[in-house]
Amino acid sequence: MSQDFKIWENKIYIDPPILAKGDGPVAQYRMWAQQFYYDDSKQPNYATNTID
């Protein structure tokens, strides 16, 4: 477990993430699932539309 610390300490975010050949149809799933997520700039703010 302690040998994994070097990996975790040096992780970076890459967009789009790099996939390995053995990952299968992950890219197609991500593209399909993206339709269900809002872009933060377009997401409605429901908290301001509440009755106190």
PDB file of N, CA and C in Angstrom:
ATOM      1  N   MET A   1       0.825  -1.196   0.000  1.00  0.00           N
ATOM      2  CA  MET A   1       0.000   0.000   0.000  1.00  0.00           C
ATOM      3  C   MET A   1       0.869   1.258   0.000  1.00  0.00           C
ATOM      4  N   SER A   2       1.913   1.297   0.777  1.00  0.00           N
ATOM      5  CA  SER A   2       2.744   2.497   0.838  1.00  0.00           C
ATOM      6  C   SER A   2       3.446   2.770  -0.491  1.00  0.00           C
ATOM      7  N   GLN A   3       3.620   1.741  -1.328  1.00  0.00           N
ATOM      8  CA  GLN A   3       4.237   1.964  -2.633  1.00  0.00           C
ATOM      9  C   GLN A   3       3.323   2.776  -3.553  1.00  0.00           C
ATOM     10  N   ASP A   4       2.037   2.860  -3.233  1.00  0.00           N
ATOM     11  CA  ASP A   4       1.094   3.643  -4.034  1.00  0.00           C
ATOM     12  C   ASP A   4       1.160   5.143  -3.743  1.00  0.00           C
ATOM     13  N   PHE A   5       1.785   5.537  -2.649  1.00  0.00           N
ATOM     14  CA  PHE A   5       1.826   6.951  -2.282  1.00  0.00           C
ATOM     15  C   PHE A   5       2.451   7.806  -3.381  1.00  0.00           C
ATOM     16  N   LYS A   6       3.505   7.348  -4.022  1.00  0.00           N
ATOM     17  CA  LYS A   6       4.149   8.122  -5.087  1.00  0.00           C
ATOM     18  C   LYS A   6       3.167   8.377  -6.227  1.00  0.00           C
ATOM     19  N   ILE A   7       2.366   7.387  -6.543  1.00  0.00           N
ATOM     20  CA  ILE A   7       1.377   7.552  -7.612  1.00  0.00           C
ATOM     21  C   ILE A   7       0.335   8.584  -7.200  1.00  0.00           C
ATOM     22  N   TRP A   8      -0.222   8.461  -6.001  1.00  0.00           N
ATOM     23  CA  TRP A   8      -1.272   9.374  -5.548  1.00  0.00           C
ATOM     24  C   TRP A   8      -0.758  10.798  -5.389  1.00  0.00           C
ATOM     25  N   GLU A   9       0.493  10.959  -4.997  1.00  0.00           N
ATOM     26  CA  GLU A   9       1.048  12.302  -4.812  1.00  0.00           C
ATOM     27  C   GLU A   9       1.265  13.027  -6.142  1.00  0.00           C
ATOM     28  N   ASN A  10       1.389  12.285  -7.224  1.00  0.00           N
ATOM     29  CA  ASN A  10       1.724  12.884  -8.511  1.00  0.00           C
ATOM     30  C   ASN A  10       0.582  12.833  -9.521  1.00  0.00           C
ATOM     31  N   LYS A  11      -0.625  12.530  -9.061  1.00  0.00           N
ATOM     32  CA  LYS A  11      -1.766  12.479  -9.973  1.00  0.00           C
ATOM     33  C   LYS A  11      -2.125  13.884 -10.446  1.00  0.00           C
ATOM     34  N   ILE A  12      -2.541  13.990 -11.704  1.00  0.00           N
ATOM     35  CA  ILE A  12      -3.030  15.256 -12.247  1.00  0.00           C
ATOM     36  C   ILE A  12      -4.303  14.985 -13.032  1.00  0.00           C
ATOM     37  N   TYR A  13      -5.127  15.998 -13.178  1.00  0.00           N
ATOM     38  CA  TYR A  13      -6.359  15.888 -13.942  1.00  0.00           C
ATOM     39  C   TYR A  13      -6.058  16.163 -15.407  1.00  0.00           C
ATOM     40  N   ILE A  14      -6.494  15.290 -16.280  1.00  0.00           N
ATOM     41  CA  ILE A  14      -6.326  15.459 -17.720  1.00  0.00           C
ATOM     42  C   ILE A  14      -7.707  15.391 -18.356  1.00  0.00           C
ATOM     43  N   ASP A  15      -8.040  16.390 -19.160  1.00  0.00           N
ATOM     44  CA  ASP A  15      -9.335  16.426 -19.825  1.00  0.00           C
ATOM     45  C   ASP A  15      -9.124  16.461 -21.332  1.00  0.00           C
ATOM     46  N   PRO A  16      -9.567  15.483 -22.068  1.00  0.00           N
ATOM     47  CA  PRO A  16     -10.281  14.283 -21.645  1.00  0.00           C
ATOM     48  C   PRO A  16      -9.316  13.265 -21.051  1.00  0.00           C
ATOM     49  N   PRO A  17      -9.801  12.423 -20.156  1.00  0.00           N
ATOM     50  CA  PRO A  17      -8.931  11.440 -19.524  1.00  0.00           C
ATOM     51  C   PRO A  17      -8.377  10.452 -20.552  1.00  0.00           C
ATOM     52  N   ILE A  18      -7.169  10.014 -20.301  1.00  0.00           N
ATOM     53  CA  ILE A  18      -6.525   9.039 -21.178  1.00  0.00           C
ATOM     54  C   ILE A  18      -7.043   7.652 -20.814  1.00  0.00           C
ATOM     55  N   LEU A  19      -7.423   6.897 -21.820  1.00  0.00           N
ATOM     56  CA  LEU A  19      -7.934   5.553 -21.593  1.00  0.00           C
ATOM     57  C   LEU A  19      -6.941   4.525 -22.122  1.00  0.00           C
ATOM     58  N   ALA A  20      -6.892   3.381 -21.451  1.00  0.00           N
ATOM     59  CA  ALA A  20      -6.064   2.273 -21.905  1.00  0.00           C
ATOM     60  C   ALA A  20      -6.873   1.397 -22.845  1.00  0.00           C
ATOM     61  N   LYS A  21      -6.199   0.595 -23.655  1.00  0.00           N
ATOM     62  CA  LYS A  21      -6.890  -0.284 -24.599  1.00  0.00           C
ATOM     63  C   LYS A  21      -7.850  -1.229 -23.888  1.00  0.00           C
ATOM     64  N   GLY A  22      -7.521  -1.660 -22.696  1.00  0.00           N
ATOM     65  CA  GLY A  22      -8.357  -2.604 -21.959  1.00  0.00           C
ATOM     66  C   GLY A  22      -9.544  -1.977 -21.251  1.00  0.00           C
ATOM     67  N   ASP A  23      -9.732  -0.665 -21.371  1.00  0.00           N
ATOM     68  CA  ASP A  23     -10.834   0.009 -20.682  1.00  0.00           C
ATOM     69  C   ASP A  23     -12.189  -0.249 -21.330  1.00  0.00           C
ATOM     70  N   GLY A  24     -12.212  -0.780 -22.519  1.00  0.00           N
ATOM     71  CA  GLY A  24     -13.479  -1.094 -23.180  1.00  0.00           C
ATOM     72  C   GLY A  24     -14.214   0.155 -23.627  1.00  0.00           C
ATOM     73  N   PRO A  25     -15.552   0.107 -23.652  1.00  0.00           N
ATOM     74  CA  PRO A  25     -16.346   1.215 -24.197  1.00  0.00           C
ATOM     75  C   PRO A  25     -16.600   2.349 -23.196  1.00  0.00           C
ATOM     76  N   VAL A  26     -15.620   2.666 -22.358  1.00  0.00           N
ATOM     77  CA  VAL A  26     -15.794   3.720 -21.353  1.00  0.00           C
ATOM     78  C   VAL A  26     -16.040   5.072 -22.022  1.00  0.00           C
ATOM     79  N   ALA A  27     -15.337   5.364 -23.091  1.00  0.00           N
ATOM     80  CA  ALA A  27     -15.497   6.663 -23.761  1.00  0.00           C
ATOM     81  C   ALA A  27     -16.916   6.837 -24.289  1.00  0.00           C
ATOM     82  N   GLN A  28     -17.478   5.789 -24.893  1.00  0.00           N
ATOM     83  CA  GLN A  28     -18.843   5.883 -25.406  1.00  0.00           C
ATOM     84  C   GLN A  28     -19.840   6.071 -24.264  1.00  0.00           C
ATOM     85  N   TYR A  29     -19.622   5.397 -23.148  1.00  0.00           N
ATOM     86  CA  TYR A  29     -20.503   5.551 -21.989  1.00  0.00           C
ATOM     87  C   TYR A  29     -20.433   6.977 -21.456  1.00  0.00           C
ATOM     88  N   ARG A  30     -19.235   7.532 -21.361  1.00  0.00           N
ATOM     89  CA  ARG A  30     -19.093   8.906 -20.859  1.00  0.00           C
ATOM     90  C   ARG A  30     -19.804   9.899 -21.768  1.00  0.00           C
ATOM     91  N   MET A  31     -19.694   9.704 -23.070  1.00  0.00           N
ATOM     92  CA  MET A  31     -20.376  10.609 -24.004  1.00  0.00           C
ATOM     93  C   MET A  31     -21.889  10.496 -23.838  1.00  0.00           C
ATOM     94  N   TRP A  32     -22.397   9.287 -23.676  1.00  0.00           N
ATOM     95  CA  TRP A  32     -23.831   9.086 -23.488  1.00  0.00           C
ATOM     96  C   TRP A  32     -24.302   9.712 -22.176  1.00  0.00           C
ATOM     97  N   ALA A  33     -23.546   9.494 -21.087  1.00  0.00           N
ATOM     98  CA  ALA A  33     -23.947   9.981 -19.769  1.00  0.00           C
ATOM     99  C   ALA A  33     -23.871  11.498 -19.660  1.00  0.00           C
ATOM    100  N   GLN A  34     -23.044  12.125 -20.462  1.00  0.00           N
ATOM    101  CA  GLN A  34     -22.856  13.581 -20.392  1.00  0.00           C
ATOM    102  C   GLN A  34     -24.163  14.338 -20.631  1.00  0.00           C
ATOM    103  N   GLN A  35     -25.085  13.754 -21.362  1.00  0.00           N
ATOM    104  CA  GLN A  35     -26.347  14.441 -21.633  1.00  0.00           C
ATOM    105  C   GLN A  35     -27.181  14.678 -20.382  1.00  0.00           C
ATOM    106  N   PHE A  36     -26.894  13.980 -19.317  1.00  0.00           N
ATOM    107  CA  PHE A  36     -27.673  14.094 -18.089  1.00  0.00           C
ATOM    108  C   PHE A  36     -27.075  15.087 -17.084  1.00  0.00           C
ATOM    109  N   TYR A  37     -25.956  15.702 -17.422  1.00  0.00           N
ATOM    110  CA  TYR A  37     -25.295  16.644 -16.523  1.00  0.00           C
ATOM    111  C   TYR A  37     -25.426  18.049 -17.059  1.00  0.00           C
ATOM    112  N   TYR A  38     -25.652  19.000 -16.163  1.00  0.00           N
ATOM    113  CA  TYR A  38     -25.721  20.402 -16.521  1.00  0.00           C
ATOM    114  C   TYR A  38     -24.331  20.995 -16.584  1.00  0.00           C
ATOM    115  N   ASP A  39     -24.151  21.926 -17.481  1.00  0.00           N
ATOM    116  CA  ASP A  39     -22.984  22.789 -17.458  1.00  0.00           C
ATOM    117  C   ASP A  39     -23.220  23.742 -16.281  1.00  0.00           C
ATOM    118  N   ASP A  40     -22.234  23.979 -15.435  1.00  0.00           N
ATOM    119  CA  ASP A  40     -22.424  24.823 -14.246  1.00  0.00           C
ATOM    120  C   ASP A  40     -22.981  26.199 -14.585  1.00  0.00           C
ATOM    121  N   SER A  41     -22.595  26.745 -15.712  1.00  0.00           N
ATOM    122  CA  SER A  41     -23.064  28.080 -16.051  1.00  0.00           C
ATOM    123  C   SER A  41     -24.531  28.083 -16.471  1.00  0.00           C
ATOM    124  N   LYS A  42     -25.077  26.920 -16.821  1.00  0.00           N
ATOM    125  CA  LYS A  42     -26.461  26.840 -17.271  1.00  0.00           C
ATOM    126  C   LYS A  42     -27.391  26.210 -16.241  1.00  0.00           C
ATOM    127  N   GLN A  43     -26.832  25.716 -15.153  1.00  0.00           N
ATOM    128  CA  GLN A  43     -27.633  25.015 -14.150  1.00  0.00           C
ATOM    129  C   GLN A  43     -28.522  26.001 -13.395  1.00  0.00           C
ATOM    130  N   PRO A  44     -29.819  25.710 -13.291  1.00  0.00           N
ATOM    131  CA  PRO A  44     -30.710  26.610 -12.556  1.00  0.00           C
ATOM    132  C   PRO A  44     -30.377  26.626 -11.071  1.00  0.00           C
ATOM    133  N   ASN A  45     -30.558  27.756 -10.454  1.00  0.00           N
ATOM    134  CA  ASN A  45     -30.303  27.890  -9.025  1.00  0.00           C
ATOM    135  C   ASN A  45     -31.645  27.801  -8.302  1.00  0.00           C
ATOM    136  N   TYR A  46     -32.033  26.613  -7.909  1.00  0.00           N
ATOM    137  CA  TYR A  46     -33.332  26.404  -7.279  1.00  0.00           C
ATOM    138  C   TYR A  46     -33.409  27.000  -5.878  1.00  0.00           C
ATOM    139  N   ALA A  47     -32.268  27.208  -5.236  1.00  0.00           N
ATOM    140  CA  ALA A  47     -32.277  27.744  -3.875  1.00  0.00           C
ATOM    141  C   ALA A  47     -32.842  29.165  -3.845  1.00  0.00           C
ATOM    142  N   THR A  48     -32.706  29.919  -4.917  1.00  0.00           N
ATOM    143  CA  THR A  48     -33.219  31.292  -4.918  1.00  0.00           C
ATOM    144  C   THR A  48     -34.714  31.328  -5.231  1.00  0.00           C
ATOM    145  N   ASN A  49     -35.276  30.211  -5.654  1.00  0.00           N
ATOM    146  CA  ASN A  49     -36.691  30.168  -6.022  1.00  0.00           C
ATOM    147  C   ASN A  49     -37.512  29.410  -4.979  1.00  0.00           C
ATOM    148  N   THR A  50     -37.210  29.625  -3.721  1.00  0.00           N
ATOM    149  CA  THR A  50     -37.928  28.927  -2.662  1.00  0.00           C
ATOM    150  C   THR A  50     -38.791  29.894  -1.869  1.00  0.00           C
ATOM    151  N   ILE A  51     -39.783  29.368  -1.212  1.00  0.00           N
ATOM    152  CA  ILE A  51     -40.640  30.174  -0.339  1.00  0.00           C
ATOM    153  C   ILE A  51     -40.144  30.011   1.083  1.00  0.00           C
ATOM    154  N   ASP A  52     -39.925  31.117   1.757  1.00  0.00           N
ATOM    155  CA  ASP A  52     -39.421  31.055   3.146  1.00  0.00           C
ATOM    156  C   ASP A  52     -40.566  31.002   4.133  1.00  0.00           C
TER     157      ASP A  52
END
